[in-house]
Amino acid sequence: MSLPLNVCVLCNKGEYERLLPLEGNEDHNISALVVSKIGTNKLDLVDSVVFNCTTCGNIQTFVKGIENT
């Protein structure tokens, strides 16, 4: 997946790298993006990838399949 950002939005210095699962869970992906419709109890999961900044540790979630234009 290509990132929509080249540099961290928080520190404006570091680069994002994919956040990897803890030891023992190497065969898993870290993904956390839940979408809910306002005024309802309906929840949907969106395919996303979690990245963290190599400099400040900021964590960002990006939706898969949306390219930078």
C-alpha atoms as a PDB file:
ATOM      1  CA  MET A   1       0.000   0.000   0.000  1.00  0.00           C
ATOM      2  CA  SER A   2       1.354   3.438  -0.880  1.00  0.00           C
ATOM      3  CA  LEU A   3       0.944   6.070   1.801  1.00  0.00           C
ATOM      4  CA  PRO A   4      -1.015   9.281   1.166  1.00  0.00           C
ATOM      5  CA  LEU A   5       1.611  11.166   3.240  1.00  0.00           C
ATOM      6  CA  ASN A   6       5.392  11.183   2.934  1.00  0.00           C
ATOM      7  CA  VAL A   7       6.147  12.800   6.292  1.00  0.00           C
ATOM      8  CA  CYS A   8       4.526  12.657   9.750  1.00  0.00           C
ATOM      9  CA  VAL A   9       1.599  15.059  10.254  1.00  0.00           C
ATOM     10  CA  LEU A  10       2.521  15.584  13.914  1.00  0.00           C
ATOM     11  CA  CYS A  11       6.296  16.206  14.009  1.00  0.00           C
ATOM     12  CA  ASN A  12       6.777  16.970  10.279  1.00  0.00           C
ATOM     13  CA  LYS A  13      10.125  15.113  10.413  1.00  0.00           C
ATOM     14  CA  GLY A  14       9.692  11.358  10.628  1.00  0.00           C
ATOM     15  CA  GLU A  15       8.466   8.866   8.078  1.00  0.00           C
ATOM     16  CA  TYR A  16       5.686   6.338   8.573  1.00  0.00           C
ATOM     17  CA  GLU A  17       6.350   2.622   8.732  1.00  0.00           C
ATOM     18  CA  ARG A  18       3.780  -0.124   9.031  1.00  0.00           C
ATOM     19  CA  LEU A  19       2.983  -1.038  12.633  1.00  0.00           C
ATOM     20  CA  LEU A  20       3.829  -4.718  13.114  1.00  0.00           C
ATOM     21  CA  PRO A  21       2.098  -7.120  15.547  1.00  0.00           C
ATOM     22  CA  LEU A  22       3.771  -8.153  18.787  1.00  0.00           C
ATOM     23  CA  GLU A  23       5.982 -11.225  18.940  1.00  0.00           C
ATOM     24  CA  GLY A  24       3.988 -14.409  18.576  1.00  0.00           C
ATOM     25  CA  ASN A  25       1.405 -12.748  16.329  1.00  0.00           C
ATOM     26  CA  GLU A  26       3.548 -12.289  13.213  1.00  0.00           C
ATOM     27  CA  ASP A  27       0.874 -13.900  11.028  1.00  0.00           C
ATOM     28  CA  HIS A  28      -1.659 -11.178  11.950  1.00  0.00           C
ATOM     29  CA  ASN A  29      -2.285  -7.651  10.639  1.00  0.00           C
ATOM     30  CA  ILE A  30      -3.002  -4.613  12.770  1.00  0.00           C
ATOM     31  CA  SER A  31      -6.067  -2.852  11.456  1.00  0.00           C
ATOM     32  CA  ALA A  32      -8.466  -0.619  13.340  1.00  0.00           C
ATOM     33  CA  LEU A  33     -11.070   1.474  11.610  1.00  0.00           C
ATOM     34  CA  VAL A  34     -14.738   1.195  12.500  1.00  0.00           C
ATOM     35  CA  VAL A  35     -17.345   3.307  10.740  1.00  0.00           C
ATOM     36  CA  SER A  36     -20.721   3.969  12.350  1.00  0.00           C
ATOM     37  CA  LYS A  37     -23.785   5.637  10.893  1.00  0.00           C
ATOM     38  CA  ILE A  38     -24.801   8.668  12.971  1.00  0.00           C
ATOM     39  CA  GLY A  39     -27.984   8.088  14.929  1.00  0.00           C
ATOM     40  CA  THR A  40     -27.903   4.288  14.597  1.00  0.00           C
ATOM     41  CA  ASN A  41     -26.213   1.317  16.217  1.00  0.00           C
ATOM     42  CA  LYS A  42     -24.910   0.051  12.852  1.00  0.00           C
ATOM     43  CA  LEU A  43     -21.139  -0.529  12.661  1.00  0.00           C
ATOM     44  CA  ASP A  44     -19.048  -1.419   9.617  1.00  0.00           C
ATOM     45  CA  LEU A  45     -15.400  -2.421   9.377  1.00  0.00           C
ATOM     46  CA  VAL A  46     -13.176  -0.761   6.788  1.00  0.00           C
ATOM     47  CA  ASP A  47     -10.014  -2.406   5.431  1.00  0.00           C
ATOM     48  CA  SER A  48      -7.205  -0.227   6.765  1.00  0.00           C
ATOM     49  CA  VAL A  49      -3.510  -0.297   7.666  1.00  0.00           C
ATOM     50  CA  VAL A  50      -1.925   1.217  10.777  1.00  0.00           C
ATOM     51  CA  PHE A  51       1.392   3.076  10.551  1.00  0.00           C
ATOM     52  CA  ASN A  52       3.575   4.784  13.142  1.00  0.00           C
ATOM     53  CA  CYS A  53       6.126   7.585  12.826  1.00  0.00           C
ATOM     54  CA  THR A  54       9.755   6.515  13.215  1.00  0.00           C
ATOM     55  CA  THR A  55      10.614   9.799  14.977  1.00  0.00           C
ATOM     56  CA  CYS A  56       7.763  10.733  17.357  1.00  0.00           C
ATOM     57  CA  GLY A  57       5.704   7.502  17.450  1.00  0.00           C
ATOM     58  CA  ASN A  58       2.507   9.144  16.130  1.00  0.00           C
ATOM     59  CA  ILE A  59       0.065   6.489  14.901  1.00  0.00           C
ATOM     60  CA  GLN A  60      -2.124   6.968  11.829  1.00  0.00           C
ATOM     61  CA  THR A  61      -4.671   4.674  10.208  1.00  0.00           C
ATOM     62  CA  PHE A  62      -5.065   4.808   6.447  1.00  0.00           C
ATOM     63  CA  VAL A  63      -7.911   3.227   4.492  1.00  0.00           C
ATOM     64  CA  LYS A  64      -6.659   0.674   1.972  1.00  0.00           C
ATOM     65  CA  GLY A  65      -7.306   1.408  -1.657  1.00  0.00           C
ATOM     66  CA  ILE A  66      -7.465   5.206  -1.433  1.00  0.00           C
ATOM     67  CA  GLU A  67      -4.588   6.702  -3.388  1.00  0.00           C
ATOM     68  CA  ASN A  68      -3.049  10.139  -3.040  1.00  0.00           C
ATOM     69  CA  THR A  69      -4.226  12.381  -5.887  1.00  0.00           C
END
